[in-house]
Amino acid sequence: MIYKVSYVVVGGRHPGAIVNQENPPRLGEMVKLGGELFEVVEVADLIPPQGEFAYLHVTLRPVKKKRHKRR
């Protein structure tokens, strides 16, 4: 099955993407788009699967960079 995934980023600071992939995204999974890291917070079917294709809408949240304390 090929998953056609529409990634939308919460807050609109990133344009998102439409990606073909072999495995469906899962809640909590990390996704890298354009060099930035995001967490999957929602996965929904856009329409029922058609033949070998599934169409998904995925909402992403930016992962905040951890700042290390200097000692």
C-alpha atoms as a PDB file:
ATOM      1  CA  MET A   1       0.000   0.000   0.000  1.00  0.00           C
ATOM      2  CA  ILE A   2       1.204   3.525  -0.778  1.00  0.00           C
ATOM      3  CA  TYR A   3       0.153   6.239   1.649  1.00  0.00           C
ATOM      4  CA  LYS A   4      -0.378   9.713   0.221  1.00  0.00           C
ATOM      5  CA  VAL A   5       0.067  11.842   3.325  1.00  0.00           C
ATOM      6  CA  SER A   6      -0.903  15.491   3.661  1.00  0.00           C
ATOM      7  CA  TYR A   7       1.176  16.923   6.509  1.00  0.00           C
ATOM      8  CA  VAL A   8      -0.155  20.119   8.120  1.00  0.00           C
ATOM      9  CA  VAL A   9       1.819  21.931  10.823  1.00  0.00           C
ATOM     10  CA  VAL A  10      -0.012  23.530  13.776  1.00  0.00           C
ATOM     11  CA  GLY A  11       0.564  27.280  13.887  1.00  0.00           C
ATOM     12  CA  GLY A  12       1.295  27.749  10.183  1.00  0.00           C
ATOM     13  CA  ARG A  13       5.017  28.477  10.609  1.00  0.00           C
ATOM     14  CA  HIS A  14       5.838  25.676   8.152  1.00  0.00           C
ATOM     15  CA  PRO A  15       4.019  25.097   4.841  1.00  0.00           C
ATOM     16  CA  GLY A  16       3.651  21.337   5.443  1.00  0.00           C
ATOM     17  CA  ALA A  17       4.003  18.808   2.627  1.00  0.00           C
ATOM     18  CA  ILE A  18       2.348  16.069   0.633  1.00  0.00           C
ATOM     19  CA  VAL A  19       4.431  12.899   0.728  1.00  0.00           C
ATOM     20  CA  ASN A  20       4.107   9.369  -0.698  1.00  0.00           C
ATOM     21  CA  GLN A  21       5.332   6.753   1.780  1.00  0.00           C
ATOM     22  CA  GLU A  22       5.157   2.997   2.323  1.00  0.00           C
ATOM     23  CA  ASN A  23       4.178   3.082   6.021  1.00  0.00           C
ATOM     24  CA  PRO A  24       1.446   5.128   7.683  1.00  0.00           C
ATOM     25  CA  PRO A  25       2.473   7.740  10.253  1.00  0.00           C
ATOM     26  CA  ARG A  26       1.664   6.926  13.882  1.00  0.00           C
ATOM     27  CA  LEU A  27       0.705   9.161  16.812  1.00  0.00           C
ATOM     28  CA  GLY A  28       3.794  10.345  18.676  1.00  0.00           C
ATOM     29  CA  GLU A  29       6.131   9.519  15.784  1.00  0.00           C
ATOM     30  CA  MET A  30       8.750  12.097  14.809  1.00  0.00           C
ATOM     31  CA  VAL A  31       8.764  13.369  11.205  1.00  0.00           C
ATOM     32  CA  LYS A  32      11.459  15.481   9.581  1.00  0.00           C
ATOM     33  CA  LEU A  33      10.326  18.003   6.953  1.00  0.00           C
ATOM     34  CA  GLY A  34      12.703  20.516   5.415  1.00  0.00           C
ATOM     35  CA  GLY A  35      15.313  19.928   8.099  1.00  0.00           C
ATOM     36  CA  GLU A  36      12.849  20.565  10.945  1.00  0.00           C
ATOM     37  CA  LEU A  37      11.551  17.949  13.384  1.00  0.00           C
ATOM     38  CA  PHE A  38       7.833  17.513  14.129  1.00  0.00           C
ATOM     39  CA  GLU A  39       5.674  15.206  16.253  1.00  0.00           C
ATOM     40  CA  VAL A  40       2.562  13.517  14.827  1.00  0.00           C
ATOM     41  CA  VAL A  41      -0.445  14.577  16.925  1.00  0.00           C
ATOM     42  CA  GLU A  42      -3.341  13.466  14.690  1.00  0.00           C
ATOM     43  CA  VAL A  43      -3.859  10.987  11.844  1.00  0.00           C
ATOM     44  CA  ALA A  44      -7.132  10.844   9.892  1.00  0.00           C
ATOM     45  CA  ASP A  45      -8.326   9.209   6.669  1.00  0.00           C
ATOM     46  CA  LEU A  46      -9.151  11.789   3.994  1.00  0.00           C
ATOM     47  CA  ILE A  47     -11.120   9.265   1.938  1.00  0.00           C
ATOM     48  CA  PRO A  48     -11.375   5.454   2.021  1.00  0.00           C
ATOM     49  CA  PRO A  49      -8.420   3.612   0.427  1.00  0.00           C
ATOM     50  CA  GLN A  50      -8.616   3.359  -3.365  1.00  0.00           C
ATOM     51  CA  GLY A  51      -6.891   0.259  -4.770  1.00  0.00           C
ATOM     52  CA  GLU A  52      -3.241   0.392  -3.665  1.00  0.00           C
ATOM     53  CA  PHE A  53      -3.478   3.942  -2.262  1.00  0.00           C
ATOM     54  CA  ALA A  54      -4.567   5.329   1.092  1.00  0.00           C
ATOM     55  CA  TYR A  55      -5.047   9.061   1.641  1.00  0.00           C
ATOM     56  CA  LEU A  56      -4.211  10.487   5.067  1.00  0.00           C
ATOM     57  CA  HIS A  57      -4.320  13.887   6.750  1.00  0.00           C
ATOM     58  CA  VAL A  58      -1.667  14.252   9.457  1.00  0.00           C
ATOM     59  CA  THR A  59      -1.355  17.123  11.923  1.00  0.00           C
ATOM     60  CA  LEU A  60       2.145  17.886  13.188  1.00  0.00           C
ATOM     61  CA  ARG A  61       3.464  19.910  16.115  1.00  0.00           C
ATOM     62  CA  PRO A  62       6.983  21.415  16.008  1.00  0.00           C
ATOM     63  CA  VAL A  63       9.423  19.750  18.396  1.00  0.00           C
ATOM     64  CA  LYS A  64      11.086  22.350  20.563  1.00  0.00           C
ATOM     65  CA  LYS A  65      14.854  22.219  20.639  1.00  0.00           C
ATOM     66  CA  LYS A  66      16.231  21.360  24.046  1.00  0.00           C
ATOM     67  CA  ARG A  67      18.601  23.890  25.448  1.00  0.00           C
ATOM     68  CA  HIS A  68      21.495  22.527  27.425  1.00  0.00           C
ATOM     69  CA  LYS A  69      22.483  24.350  30.584  1.00  0.00           C
ATOM     70  CA  ARG A  70      26.059  25.505  30.699  1.00  0.00           C
ATOM     71  CA  ARG A  71      27.988  24.462  33.775  1.00  0.00           C
END
